[in-house]
N, C-alpha and C. Protein backbone atom coordinates (compact mmCIF):
# COMPACT_ATOMS: atom_id res chain seq x y z
N MET A 1 -102.02 136.32 -184.04
CA MET A 1 -100.31 135.97 -184.61
C MET A 1 -99.12 136.30 -183.97
N LYS A 2 -98.03 135.47 -184.06
CA LYS A 2 -96.93 135.77 -183.57
C LYS A 2 -95.90 135.43 -185.02
N TRP A 3 -94.21 135.88 -184.71
CA TRP A 3 -93.61 135.63 -185.52
C TRP A 3 -93.47 133.77 -186.16
N THR A 4 -93.33 133.32 -184.95
CA THR A 4 -93.40 131.49 -185.35
C THR A 4 -94.65 131.24 -186.13
N ASP A 5 -95.82 131.92 -186.42
CA ASP A 5 -96.57 131.39 -186.96
C ASP A 5 -96.27 131.12 -188.60
N THR A 6 -95.52 131.08 -188.74
CA THR A 6 -95.04 131.58 -190.26
C THR A 6 -95.92 131.06 -191.78
N LEU A 7 -96.81 129.69 -191.50
CA LEU A 7 -97.60 129.41 -192.57
C LEU A 7 -98.93 130.04 -192.65
N ASP A 8 -99.02 131.01 -191.58
CA ASP A 8 -99.99 131.70 -191.41
C ASP A 8 -100.05 133.03 -191.58
N ILE A 9 -98.52 133.01 -191.42
CA ILE A 9 -98.02 134.53 -192.14
C ILE A 9 -98.14 134.90 -193.91
N ALA A 10 -97.70 133.58 -193.70
CA ALA A 10 -97.38 133.19 -195.27
C ALA A 10 -98.85 133.57 -196.15
N ILE A 11 -99.57 133.11 -195.63
CA ILE A 11 -100.93 132.73 -196.46
C ILE A 11 -101.61 134.59 -196.49
N GLU A 12 -101.09 134.77 -195.37
CA GLU A 12 -102.24 136.12 -195.25
C GLU A 12 -101.42 137.14 -196.48
N LEU A 13 -99.98 137.21 -196.24
CA LEU A 13 -99.42 137.69 -197.07
C LEU A 13 -99.84 137.82 -198.50
N ALA A 14 -100.26 136.13 -198.86
CA ALA A 14 -100.29 135.81 -200.14
C ALA A 14 -101.33 136.66 -200.79
N GLU A 15 -102.39 136.46 -199.57
CA GLU A 15 -103.90 136.70 -199.90
C GLU A 15 -103.86 138.33 -200.03
N ARG A 16 -102.82 138.97 -199.50
CA ARG A 16 -103.21 140.59 -199.05
C ARG A 16 -102.18 141.36 -200.05
N HIS A 17 -101.83 140.34 -200.70
CA HIS A 17 -100.25 141.62 -201.51
C HIS A 17 -100.20 140.40 -202.66
N PRO A 18 -101.11 140.07 -203.48
CA PRO A 18 -101.19 138.93 -204.43
C PRO A 18 -100.36 139.00 -205.81
N ASP A 19 -100.01 140.94 -206.08
CA ASP A 19 -99.12 141.30 -206.70
C ASP A 19 -97.54 141.55 -206.40
N VAL A 20 -97.08 140.79 -205.25
CA VAL A 20 -96.02 140.93 -205.14
C VAL A 20 -94.71 140.08 -204.81
N ASP A 21 -93.89 139.91 -205.49
CA ASP A 21 -93.16 138.76 -205.95
C ASP A 21 -92.42 138.79 -204.42
N PRO A 22 -92.68 137.44 -203.89
CA PRO A 22 -91.91 137.41 -202.43
C PRO A 22 -90.02 136.94 -202.53
N THR A 23 -89.86 136.38 -204.04
CA THR A 23 -88.29 136.55 -204.03
C THR A 23 -87.71 137.57 -204.46
N LYS A 24 -88.13 138.75 -204.24
CA LYS A 24 -88.06 140.17 -205.00
C LYS A 24 -87.91 140.98 -203.51
N VAL A 25 -88.63 140.62 -202.63
CA VAL A 25 -88.88 141.70 -201.12
C VAL A 25 -87.79 141.38 -200.24
N ASN A 26 -86.85 142.18 -199.67
CA ASN A 26 -86.24 141.94 -198.94
C ASN A 26 -86.46 141.84 -197.62
N PHE A 27 -85.42 141.68 -196.11
CA PHE A 27 -86.00 141.11 -194.81
C PHE A 27 -86.81 142.46 -194.30
N VAL A 28 -85.99 143.40 -194.58
CA VAL A 28 -86.83 144.94 -193.91
C VAL A 28 -88.09 144.97 -194.21
N ASP A 29 -88.63 144.57 -195.55
CA ASP A 29 -89.45 145.20 -196.39
C ASP A 29 -90.63 144.26 -195.68
N LEU A 30 -89.86 143.20 -195.62
CA LEU A 30 -90.68 141.75 -195.47
C LEU A 30 -91.33 142.26 -193.64
N MET A 31 -90.60 142.15 -193.04
CA MET A 31 -90.58 142.41 -191.83
C MET A 31 -91.39 143.45 -191.60
N ARG A 32 -91.35 144.78 -192.19
CA ARG A 32 -92.52 145.31 -192.48
C ARG A 32 -94.08 144.97 -192.72
N LEU A 33 -94.24 144.45 -193.66
CA LEU A 33 -94.97 143.69 -194.36
C LEU A 33 -96.05 143.11 -193.34
N VAL A 34 -95.52 141.78 -192.62
CA VAL A 34 -95.65 141.34 -191.52
C VAL A 34 -96.42 141.77 -190.05
N MET A 35 -95.03 142.81 -190.50
CA MET A 35 -95.92 144.13 -188.87
C MET A 35 -97.09 144.53 -189.14
N THR A 36 -98.08 145.03 -190.19
CA THR A 36 -99.10 145.58 -190.47
C THR A 36 -100.18 144.52 -190.80
N LEU A 37 -100.01 143.31 -190.53
CA LEU A 37 -100.93 142.08 -191.12
C LEU A 37 -101.96 142.41 -189.54
N PRO A 38 -103.08 142.57 -190.02
CA PRO A 38 -104.53 142.84 -188.61
C PRO A 38 -103.73 141.50 -188.30
N GLY A 39 -104.09 141.58 -186.38
CA GLY A 39 -104.08 140.13 -185.99
C GLY A 39 -102.78 140.04 -185.45
N PHE A 40 -101.62 141.10 -186.24
CA PHE A 40 -100.17 140.18 -185.73
C PHE A 40 -99.81 141.49 -184.62
N ALA A 41 -99.33 140.42 -183.22
CA ALA A 41 -99.13 141.23 -182.12
C ALA A 41 -97.88 140.97 -181.42
N GLU A 42 -96.54 141.03 -182.10
CA GLU A 42 -95.45 140.88 -181.50
C GLU A 42 -94.61 142.06 -182.13
N SER A 43 -93.69 142.57 -181.60
CA SER A 43 -92.55 143.45 -181.88
C SER A 43 -91.37 142.84 -182.59
N GLU A 44 -90.92 143.52 -183.55
CA GLU A 44 -89.54 143.88 -184.52
C GLU A 44 -88.47 142.86 -183.50
N LYS A 45 -88.81 143.19 -181.96
CA LYS A 45 -87.01 142.55 -181.56
C LYS A 45 -87.15 140.80 -181.11
N HIS A 46 -88.42 140.42 -181.51
CA HIS A 46 -88.46 139.38 -181.60
C HIS A 46 -88.48 138.37 -183.04
N CYS A 47 -88.35 138.93 -183.77
CA CYS A 47 -87.76 138.45 -185.07
C CYS A 47 -86.52 138.45 -186.00
N GLY A 48 -86.32 137.57 -186.00
CA GLY A 48 -84.77 137.47 -186.85
C GLY A 48 -84.33 136.90 -188.38
N GLU A 49 -83.31 136.93 -188.54
CA GLU A 49 -82.94 136.78 -190.12
C GLU A 49 -83.73 134.96 -190.18
N LYS A 50 -84.15 134.28 -189.37
CA LYS A 50 -84.26 132.84 -189.98
C LYS A 50 -85.54 133.13 -189.78
N ILE A 51 -86.38 133.79 -189.04
CA ILE A 51 -87.78 133.51 -188.77
C ILE A 51 -88.06 134.12 -190.31
N LEU A 52 -87.65 135.19 -190.41
CA LEU A 52 -88.21 136.13 -191.91
C LEU A 52 -87.65 135.24 -193.45
N GLU A 53 -86.86 134.38 -193.24
CA GLU A 53 -86.27 133.18 -193.85
C GLU A 53 -87.69 132.11 -194.10
N ALA A 54 -87.88 132.03 -193.04
CA ALA A 54 -89.07 130.86 -193.39
C ALA A 54 -90.07 131.27 -193.52
N ILE A 55 -90.98 132.24 -192.88
CA ILE A 55 -91.68 133.26 -193.44
C ILE A 55 -91.82 133.18 -195.22
N GLN A 56 -90.49 133.87 -195.57
CA GLN A 56 -90.34 133.97 -197.38
C GLN A 56 -90.49 132.79 -197.93
N MET A 57 -89.86 132.08 -197.36
CA MET A 57 -89.87 130.42 -198.26
C MET A 57 -91.07 129.93 -198.12
N ALA A 58 -92.21 129.90 -196.70
CA ALA A 58 -93.81 129.51 -196.66
C ALA A 58 -94.33 130.53 -197.63
N TRP A 59 -94.31 132.12 -197.95
CA TRP A 59 -94.56 132.33 -198.96
C TRP A 59 -94.66 131.85 -200.45
N ILE A 60 -93.50 131.96 -200.67
CA ILE A 60 -93.05 131.10 -202.09
C ILE A 60 -93.94 130.22 -202.13
N GLU A 61 -93.84 129.39 -200.86
CA GLU A 61 -94.59 127.69 -201.37
C GLU A 61 -95.92 128.16 -201.78
N GLU A 62 -96.94 129.16 -201.13
CA GLU A 62 -97.90 129.04 -200.89
C GLU A 62 -98.45 130.17 -202.06
N ILE A 63 -97.66 130.62 -202.95
CA ILE A 63 -98.17 131.23 -204.21
C ILE A 63 -97.95 130.14 -205.05
N GLU A 64 -96.97 128.89 -205.22
CA GLU A 64 -96.96 128.09 -206.12
C GLU A 64 -97.75 127.10 -206.31
């Protein structure tokens, strides 16, 4: 998985962290959660605020 796989990341986050409210996760913590997902293969230097925002929005939509 890469940073641009926002939907796949969101699905994985929703499955692995069902008790976490994505609206309450700051971007630093979100980046850390994404980087610990199995199969995630990119470094934080390829990540930016827009990508994290897209992941967060996809995660919110995934749990609704």
